[in-house]
Every structure is written in structure tokens, then in C-alpha cells.
Protein backbone atom coordinates (compact mmCIF):
# COMPACT_ATOMS: atom_id res chain seq x y z
CA MET A 1 17.65 13.23 -25.44
CA ARG A 2 13.96 13.88 -25.46
CA ARG A 3 13.11 10.36 -24.10
CA TYR A 4 15.44 11.12 -21.16
CA LEU A 5 13.71 14.32 -20.44
CA VAL A 6 10.25 12.64 -20.57
CA LEU A 7 11.34 10.10 -18.01
CA LEU A 8 13.03 12.55 -15.74
CA GLY A 9 10.18 15.09 -16.06
CA LEU A 10 7.60 12.26 -15.18
CA LEU A 11 9.52 11.09 -12.15
CA ALA A 12 10.22 14.59 -10.98
CA ALA A 13 6.57 15.69 -11.27
CA VAL A 14 5.40 12.58 -9.30
CA GLY A 15 8.20 12.92 -6.73
CA LEU A 16 7.76 16.74 -6.17
CA PHE A 17 4.05 16.19 -5.74
CA LEU A 18 4.46 13.36 -3.24
CA LEU A 19 7.30 15.17 -1.45
CA GLY A 20 4.92 18.13 -0.83
CA SER A 21 1.92 15.81 0.08
CA GLU A 22 3.11 13.56 2.78
CA THR A 23 -0.61 12.63 3.44
CA ALA A 24 -0.66 11.01 -0.08
CA VAL A 25 1.25 8.02 1.27
CA ALA A 26 0.77 8.41 5.03
CA HIS A 27 -1.48 6.07 6.80
CA VAL A 28 -4.06 8.54 8.17
CA LYS A 29 -5.32 6.36 11.15
CA TRP A 30 -1.68 6.67 12.64
CA PHE A 31 -1.87 10.44 13.05
CA SER A 32 -5.65 11.45 12.99
CA ASP A 33 -8.13 11.73 15.75
CA PHE A 34 -10.39 9.12 13.95
CA SER A 35 -13.47 7.07 14.88
CA PHE A 36 -15.70 4.56 13.06
CA GLY A 37 -18.51 6.52 14.57
CA ASP A 38 -17.77 9.21 11.93
CA ARG A 39 -20.25 8.85 9.19
CA PRO A 40 -18.57 7.67 6.04
CA ARG A 41 -19.48 9.05 2.55
CA THR A 42 -21.73 7.24 0.39
CA LEU A 43 -21.00 6.44 -3.30
CA GLY A 44 -23.39 9.21 -4.27
CA GLU A 45 -21.50 11.71 -2.25
CA MET A 46 -18.23 10.66 -3.50
CA LEU A 47 -19.20 10.99 -7.15
CA THR A 48 -18.53 14.72 -7.37
CA PRO A 49 -17.29 16.60 -10.49
CA LEU A 50 -13.77 16.59 -8.84
CA PHE A 51 -13.88 12.85 -8.33
CA ILE A 52 -15.04 12.22 -11.96
CA GLY A 53 -12.39 14.59 -13.25
CA LEU A 54 -9.56 13.07 -11.22
CA THR A 55 -10.64 9.62 -12.44
CA LEU A 56 -10.49 10.48 -15.99
CA LEU A 57 -7.18 12.33 -15.73
CA SER A 58 -5.62 9.37 -13.89
CA ALA A 59 -6.80 6.93 -16.63
CA VAL A 60 -5.41 9.20 -19.26
CA VAL A 61 -1.92 9.67 -17.49
CA ILE A 62 -1.71 5.81 -16.85
CA GLY A 63 -2.23 5.23 -20.51
CA GLY A 64 0.54 7.70 -21.18
CA LEU A 65 2.80 5.87 -18.83
CA VAL A 66 2.54 2.88 -21.13
CA LEU A 67 4.18 4.94 -23.84
CA VAL A 68 6.94 6.06 -21.41
CA GLU A 69 7.69 2.46 -20.61
CA ARG A 70 7.86 1.49 -24.31
CA ARG A 71 10.27 4.31 -24.89
CA LEU A 72 12.47 3.19 -21.98
CA GLN A 73 12.79 -0.21 -23.43
CA ASP A 74 15.03 1.38 -26.15
CA VAL A 75 17.22 3.21 -23.73
CA SER A 76 20.51 1.40 -23.26
CA TRP A 77 21.47 2.72 -19.90
CA TYR A 78 17.99 1.86 -18.42
CA ASN A 79 18.36 -1.70 -19.83
CA ARG A 80 21.85 -2.04 -18.29
CA LEU A 81 20.62 -0.80 -14.92
CA ASN A 82 17.80 -3.30 -15.03
CA GLY A 83 20.25 -6.07 -15.85
CA TRP A 84 22.51 -5.11 -12.94
CA LEU A 85 19.57 -5.11 -10.57
CA GLU A 86 18.42 -8.44 -11.64
CA SER A 87 21.84 -9.92 -11.06
CA HIS A 88 21.21 -9.27 -7.30
CA ARG A 89 18.00 -11.19 -7.19
CA ASP A 90 19.43 -13.67 -4.93
CA GLN A 91 19.43 -11.00 -2.14
CA SER A 92 15.76 -10.37 -2.43
CA VAL A 93 14.67 -12.86 0.28
CA LEU A 94 17.27 -11.55 2.61
CA VAL A 95 15.96 -7.94 2.23
CA MET A 96 12.52 -9.27 3.11
CA ARG A 97 13.74 -11.24 6.10
CA ILE A 98 15.49 -8.17 7.41
CA GLY A 99 12.48 -5.94 6.75
CA MET A 100 9.98 -8.23 8.40
CA GLY A 101 12.43 -8.90 11.37
CA VAL A 102 12.86 -5.14 11.98
CA THR A 103 9.13 -4.58 11.84
CA LEU A 104 8.44 -7.53 14.37
CA LEU A 105 11.04 -6.15 16.63
CA LEU A 106 9.87 -2.52 16.45
CA SER A 107 6.31 -3.68 17.07
CA TRP A 108 7.54 -5.69 20.13
CA GLN A 109 9.33 -2.77 21.62
CA ALA A 110 6.14 -0.43 20.96
CA ASP A 111 3.69 -2.94 22.49
CA THR A 112 1.89 -3.19 19.02
CA MET A 113 1.18 -5.96 16.60
CA LEU A 114 2.61 -5.45 12.97
CA SER A 115 1.57 -1.84 12.89
CA PRO A 116 1.55 1.30 15.06
CA ASP A 117 -2.28 1.32 15.65
CA LEU A 118 -2.72 -2.38 16.47
CA THR A 119 -2.10 -2.36 20.20
CA THR A 120 -1.56 -5.62 21.89
CA GLY A 121 -0.31 -7.40 25.08
CA PRO A 122 3.01 -8.71 26.20
CA VAL A 123 2.21 -12.33 25.01
CA ILE A 124 1.74 -11.32 21.33
CA GLY A 125 4.95 -9.07 21.77
CA TRP A 126 7.06 -11.93 22.74
CA ILE A 127 5.62 -14.12 19.76
CA GLN A 128 6.77 -11.29 17.52
CA PHE A 129 10.21 -11.40 19.12
CA PHE A 130 10.38 -15.15 18.59
CA LEU A 131 9.31 -14.82 14.93
CA ALA A 132 12.05 -12.20 14.31
CA LEU A 133 14.58 -14.68 15.77
CA LEU A 134 13.31 -17.31 13.23
CA LEU A 135 13.98 -14.94 10.42
CA LEU A 136 17.62 -15.03 11.16
CA PHE A 137 17.86 -18.55 9.55
CA PRO A 138 16.82 -19.55 5.98
CA ALA A 139 15.58 -22.88 7.19
CA THR A 140 13.13 -21.38 9.68
CA THR A 141 11.95 -18.62 7.59
CA PRO A 142 8.81 -20.47 6.39
CA ILE A 143 7.83 -20.95 9.95
CA ALA A 144 8.18 -17.20 10.53
CA GLY A 145 6.10 -16.58 7.43
CA LEU A 146 3.30 -18.84 8.94
CA GLY A 147 3.57 -16.79 12.14
CA VAL A 148 3.09 -13.60 10.20
CA LEU A 149 -0.05 -15.08 8.67
CA GLY A 150 -1.12 -16.09 12.19
CA LEU A 151 -0.69 -12.51 13.48
CA TYR A 152 -2.67 -11.18 10.61
CA GLY A 153 -5.56 -13.69 11.57
CA MET A 154 -5.44 -12.46 15.19
CA GLY A 155 -5.71 -8.92 13.86
CA ILE A 156 -8.87 -9.80 11.99
CA TYR A 157 -10.25 -11.41 15.35
CA GLU A 158 -9.47 -8.36 17.26
CA TYR A 159 -10.06 -5.57 14.89
CA GLY A 160 -12.37 -7.03 12.05
CA LEU A 161 -11.70 -7.76 8.47
CA PHE A 162 -12.57 -4.33 7.16
CA TYR A 163 -9.88 -2.69 9.46
CA MET A 164 -7.24 -5.33 8.57
CA LEU A 165 -7.57 -4.89 4.84
CA ASP A 166 -5.38 -1.78 5.45
CA TYR A 167 -2.51 -4.22 6.05
CA LEU A 168 -3.11 -6.98 3.45
CA ILE A 169 0.45 -6.56 2.55
CA PHE A 170 1.28 -8.71 5.56
CA LEU A 171 -0.49 -11.63 3.96
CA GLY A 172 1.73 -11.12 1.03
CA VAL A 173 4.76 -10.90 3.09
CA GLY A 174 3.89 -14.11 5.10
CA TYR A 175 3.19 -16.00 1.83
CA TYR A 176 6.47 -14.74 0.28
CA LEU A 177 8.50 -15.96 3.12
CA ILE A 178 6.82 -19.43 3.01
CA VAL A 179 7.04 -20.12 -0.72
CA THR A 180 10.55 -18.56 -1.54
CA GLN A 181 12.20 -21.40 0.39
CA ILE A 182 10.45 -24.06 -1.83
CA ASP A 183 12.66 -25.60 -4.62
CA ASN A 184 9.90 -25.72 -7.14
CA GLU A 185 10.18 -22.47 -9.04
CA ARG A 186 6.52 -22.53 -10.32
CA ILE A 187 5.47 -22.26 -6.64
CA SER A 188 8.37 -19.99 -5.27
CA GLY A 189 7.83 -17.73 -8.21
CA THR A 190 4.29 -16.85 -7.02
CA GLY A 191 5.90 -14.84 -4.09
CA ILE A 192 6.68 -11.66 -6.11
CA PRO A 193 3.21 -11.44 -7.70
CA ALA A 194 1.70 -11.84 -4.29
CA LEU A 195 3.76 -9.00 -2.92
CA TYR A 196 2.81 -6.78 -5.81
CA ALA A 197 -0.93 -7.52 -5.42
CA THR A 198 -1.08 -7.12 -1.69
CA LEU A 199 0.99 -3.92 -1.45
CA GLY A 200 -0.84 -2.47 -4.47
CA PHE A 201 -4.27 -3.25 -2.84
CA SER A 202 -3.19 -1.75 0.47
CA LEU A 203 -2.23 1.51 -1.11
CA ALA A 204 -5.30 1.54 -3.14
CA TRP A 205 -7.53 0.73 -0.10
CA LEU A 206 -5.90 3.42 2.02
CA ALA A 207 -6.47 5.88 -0.80
CA LEU A 208 -10.21 5.21 -0.53
CA GLU A 209 -10.04 5.92 3.07
CA LYS A 210 -9.16 9.50 2.27
CA MET A 211 -12.29 9.80 0.03
CA VAL A 212 -14.70 8.03 2.23
CA TYR A 213 -13.49 9.50 5.58
CA PRO A 214 -12.11 13.02 4.36
CA GLN A 215 -12.57 14.36 7.81
CA TRP A 216 -9.66 12.20 9.03
CA SER A 217 -7.23 13.59 6.56
CA LEU A 218 -8.77 17.14 7.14
CA TYR A 219 -7.70 16.85 10.85
CA ILE A 220 -4.02 16.20 9.74
CA LEU A 221 -4.15 19.18 7.33
CA GLU A 222 -5.62 21.45 10.15
CA GLN A 223 -2.76 20.47 12.35
CA ASN A 224 -0.20 20.84 9.48
CA PRO A 225 -1.60 23.29 6.92
CA GLN A 226 1.68 23.49 5.21
CA LEU A 227 1.24 20.09 3.76
CA ALA A 228 -1.58 21.32 1.45
CA LEU A 229 0.79 23.49 -0.43
CA GLY A 230 -1.74 26.39 -0.46
CA PHE A 231 -4.42 24.11 -2.15
CA ASP A 232 -7.94 23.92 -1.08
CA PHE A 233 -8.02 21.08 1.53
CA GLN A 234 -10.77 19.13 -0.18
CA PHE A 235 -9.05 19.23 -3.57
CA PHE A 236 -5.74 18.27 -2.01
CA ILE A 237 -7.18 15.30 -0.10
CA TYR A 238 -8.83 13.91 -3.23
CA SER A 239 -5.82 14.64 -5.39
CA ALA A 240 -3.62 12.78 -2.89
CA ALA A 241 -5.97 9.94 -2.79
CA PHE A 242 -5.84 9.47 -6.52
CA VAL A 243 -2.04 9.64 -6.50
CA GLU A 244 -1.99 6.83 -3.93
CA LEU A 245 -4.63 4.93 -5.88
CA ALA A 246 -2.81 5.17 -9.21
CA LEU A 247 0.53 4.09 -7.61
CA GLY A 248 -1.24 1.00 -6.10
CA TYR A 249 -2.77 0.13 -9.45
CA LEU A 250 0.63 0.67 -11.25
CA LEU A 251 2.20 -1.83 -8.78
CA ILE A 252 -0.37 -4.38 -9.36
CA ILE A 253 -0.18 -4.31 -13.28
CA ASN A 254 3.72 -3.96 -13.04
CA LEU A 255 3.81 -0.71 -15.11
CA LEU A 256 7.09 1.04 -14.44
CA GLN A 257 7.38 -0.84 -11.24
CA ARG A 258 11.08 -0.19 -10.74
CA PRO A 259 10.95 3.62 -11.13
CA PHE A 260 7.76 4.12 -9.21
CA SER A 261 8.98 1.59 -6.34
CA LEU A 262 12.11 3.79 -5.98
CA VAL A 263 10.08 6.96 -5.98
CA ILE A 264 7.69 5.70 -3.32
CA THR A 265 10.34 4.37 -0.97
CA LEU A 266 12.18 7.68 -1.26
CA VAL A 267 9.12 9.61 -0.40
CA PHE A 268 8.51 7.34 2.64
CA PHE A 269 11.94 8.27 3.88
CA THR A 270 11.23 12.01 3.53
CA THR A 271 7.83 11.74 5.27
CA THR A 272 9.63 10.21 8.34
CA LEU A 273 11.03 13.76 8.94
CA VAL A 274 7.45 14.96 9.33
CA PHE A 275 5.78 11.98 11.12
CA GLY A 276 8.56 10.54 13.03
CA LYS A 277 9.03 7.10 14.72
CA VAL A 278 5.47 5.91 14.27
CA GLU A 279 6.11 6.00 10.50
CA VAL A 280 9.34 4.10 10.80
CA ILE A 281 7.43 1.26 12.65
CA GLY A 282 4.65 1.23 10.05
CA HIS A 283 6.65 1.63 6.87
CA THR A 284 9.67 -0.49 7.37
CA ILE A 285 7.95 -3.48 5.79
CA LEU A 286 6.83 -1.46 2.86
CA HIS A 287 10.43 -0.25 2.32
CA ALA A 288 11.50 -3.87 2.21
CA ALA A 289 8.90 -4.84 -0.34
CA LEU A 290 9.74 -1.86 -2.58
CA ILE A 291 13.41 -2.54 -2.48
CA VAL A 292 12.46 -6.20 -3.42
CA PHE A 293 10.49 -4.76 -6.46
CA VAL A 294 13.45 -2.55 -7.45
CA ILE A 295 15.70 -5.71 -7.50
CA GLU A 296 13.32 -8.18 -9.00
CA GLY A 297 11.39 -6.08 -11.47
CA PRO A 298 8.25 -8.10 -12.53
CA GLY A 299 9.87 -11.49 -11.55
CA ARG A 300 11.22 -14.34 -13.40
CA ILE A 301 8.32 -16.89 -13.69
CA TYR A 302 5.15 -15.17 -14.29
CA ARG A 303 4.46 -12.37 -16.86
CA ALA A 304 3.54 -8.93 -15.68
CA PRO A 305 -0.11 -8.02 -16.24
CA ILE A 306 0.84 -5.10 -18.39
CA THR A 307 2.55 -7.47 -20.88
CA PHE A 308 -0.47 -9.46 -21.60
CA HIS A 309 -1.04 -7.51 -24.81
CA LYS A 310 1.79 -7.05 -27.25
CA ARG A 311 0.32 -4.35 -29.49
CA LEU A 312 0.81 -0.79 -27.97
CA PRO A 313 -2.79 0.48 -28.48
CA LEU A 314 -4.19 -2.60 -26.80
CA ARG A 315 -1.66 -2.27 -23.91
CA ILE A 316 -2.66 1.40 -23.43
CA ALA A 317 -6.40 0.36 -23.49
CA PHE A 318 -5.64 -2.32 -20.97
CA ALA A 319 -3.98 -0.05 -18.47
CA SER A 320 -6.52 2.80 -18.69
CA VAL A 321 -9.82 0.79 -18.80
CA ASN A 322 -8.75 -1.60 -16.11
CA PHE A 323 -7.89 1.35 -13.87
CA LEU A 324 -11.48 2.41 -14.15
CA LEU A 325 -12.76 -1.17 -13.52
CA PHE A 326 -10.40 -1.40 -10.58
CA LEU A 327 -11.56 1.67 -9.06
CA ILE A 328 -15.20 0.48 -9.30
CA LEU A 329 -14.46 -2.90 -7.99
CA ILE A 330 -12.60 -1.59 -4.91
CA ALA A 331 -14.72 1.40 -4.16
CA ALA A 332 -17.98 -0.36 -3.89
CA PRO A 333 -16.80 -2.84 -1.21
CA TYR A 334 -15.07 -0.12 0.71
CA VAL A 335 -18.11 1.97 0.85
CA TYR A 336 -20.24 -0.98 1.93
CA GLY A 337 -17.86 -2.02 4.48
CA ALA A 338 -17.55 1.40 5.87
CA GLN A 339 -21.32 1.76 6.23
CA SER A 340 -21.60 -1.56 7.86
CA VAL A 341 -18.90 -0.71 10.46
CA TYR A 342 -20.67 2.66 11.05
CA GLU A 343 -24.07 1.04 11.61
CA GLN A 344 -22.37 -1.57 13.93
CA TYR A 345 -20.76 1.20 15.93
CA GLN A 346 -24.12 3.10 16.22
CA ASP A 347 -25.90 0.00 17.35
CA GLU A 348 -23.15 -0.64 20.01
CA GLN A 349 -23.49 2.97 21.31
CA THR A 350 -27.39 2.86 21.62
CA ALA A 351 -27.56 -0.59 22.98
CA VAL A 352 -29.13 -0.51 26.62
CA PRO A 353 -27.48 -2.86 28.91
CA LEU A 354 -29.77 -5.58 30.43
CA TYR A 355 -29.45 -4.32 34.12
CA GLU A 356 -30.37 -0.82 33.06
CA GLU A 357 -33.52 -2.23 31.28
CA ASN A 358 -34.50 -4.29 34.24
CA SER A 359 -33.90 -1.40 36.69
CA GLY A 360 -36.20 0.88 34.48
């Protein structure tokens, strides 16, 4: 009985926090008055006692989740449920085809490309419509996958790599749609790890946005102060960022991937009540990927990173220490990229047009 209470308590705590903190998993750019002309925080400014405390707390909690997962392996109903879900693995590709198709059609209707904030013209819109039609048939699904990769490349051309890293999930989806139609299981089996890696990275990348550009999240909280649950806004923003960062990391290492995938997708459904149609457009593909994770688990071909070590102490150390390394490896490039974009924006604003220089 105690092991059941541990699991239910864990999921309830995470779920309640996320339900009360929609900004933890919301894409801030969709709802905030943002600009890359806003000065990003430096690494030194980020390294506050709050940041360090939440980092250490997250590492300890993640290590504790390894114990929870080990306990769950001895729970009969949990294993039966996993077995039932795995028996529906042949539906995973269909789920992703539907999710990507709906995303393309919604973007076509909204005159955007893949996401609510990537505005585009009618030509790209009709390309998305055509790709959605290709997803109706298994034989043409890989072509649609290539098209998704092409759209992502166009996004990089139009908005820059730093901006498009928010949407790395689309690289994973495009790759998944291509390889899952290949008969060689060693190749097709790479689709699931690619989805885990790209969605996990996207969540973690967006978490850093909340810490490097806290003013963007602050704008949303000022418009909707009830979202902060009475907490200090800065504390809430950092806490929400670490929740999102930890969830992304847990997906990457495949720790409790099924329970947390279910929790995240349920939270996305509830946040739609707050943020409306824009979130439906942006999160449909995430729902599809998370449902695939619930069905597939870690996948059949390649081992989950969390299983690299058999002994429990080593597995706990692997999960906790690598979280710290992951945070360092992702935070430094984000801060560097944000500073580069900021400097480029400032240069563009201060540049003197040639005709003005000559007239002077």
C-alpha cells in the first residue's frame, strides 16, 4: 500500500503544481509582449541563491524518482498496464500522422508555419495543406516527414537557428515519420529516441527562456496574477522553469516516461482553458508525441539511458549528476545565443541607412 501512496503522491504533487502554474509548460512567446531587444540575463545574473537551491533540489528529487521507478517495477497492476499499452504499439505511427496532420491544417488555417508565432504567406500555407494530405497514406508519410524537415529549415532561414531551437521537436517528428516506414528495425527503431530527445530538449530550452528573459513571463503573470498562486513572481517563474527543465530531462533519459508523459499531456489540456485556441495550434503535436510515449514506453530496439546502469546507487548517481551536467551544457549555449541575438538587434536598430549618411 505504501508504494501506491508514494506514486499517487508524487504524481498528484507534480500535477497540482503544474495545474496551478500554466506558465510552467506554456510557450511564453505566444502570449507575451516580447522582443529580442530586451536585454537577456547573463550567467552571472542567473546564478542566484534561488537558482542554485532549485538546481540542487531538482537533482535530489530526480534521484528520488529512480527509487520510485524501481518500486513500480514490482507493482503488478502497473506492469499489466504497461503490457496492455505495449500491445497497441502498432497504433503509434497513426497517432503521430494524425497529430502532425492536424498541426499542419491548423497552421494553414491560421496563416502560420508549424507554430502560432511563425507567421507565413499563402504559399507555405498550401504546402502545409498538401503535406497534411500526404499523411493520409502510409506510403506517402515519409515524403510528408521530409516536408516537415523542409519547413523547419525554412523557419531557420526566416527566424534564425536560436529562435527555431524552441521547436526542435519538429525535427524529431519529421525524422520519425520518415524512418518508421523503413523495414529495417535498427533504423525504424531510432524514431522513438529521436522524439524523446527533441521534445525533451524543446521543453528544457523553453525553461531557460523563463530564466534568461524573466520579463516575458512577468508580463503574463501581471496580466493573470492568479497563475502565481500567491507566490512571489520571481520565485514562481524560476520554480516553473525548473519544473519544465526537469520534465524535459526526464523524457530524455526515459525515467518514469509513461506517468510523466500522461501528466504533461493532461496539463496541456487544462491550460487550453486559460490560453485558448493559440495553445491548441501549438500543442497538438506535443500531445501526439506524448501519447506515443505513453503507448511505446522507452521503445523496443534501443535501451533507455536510465537503464545503462543496473545497480541502483549508480542509476541514482547517473540521473542526478547528469541533470547537473545537462543544465550546464544547455544553459551556456542559450545565454550565448541570447546575447548574440540581443547584440545583433541593437546593431540593426543603431545602423544608419546609407542615404541618411550621405544626406548628412
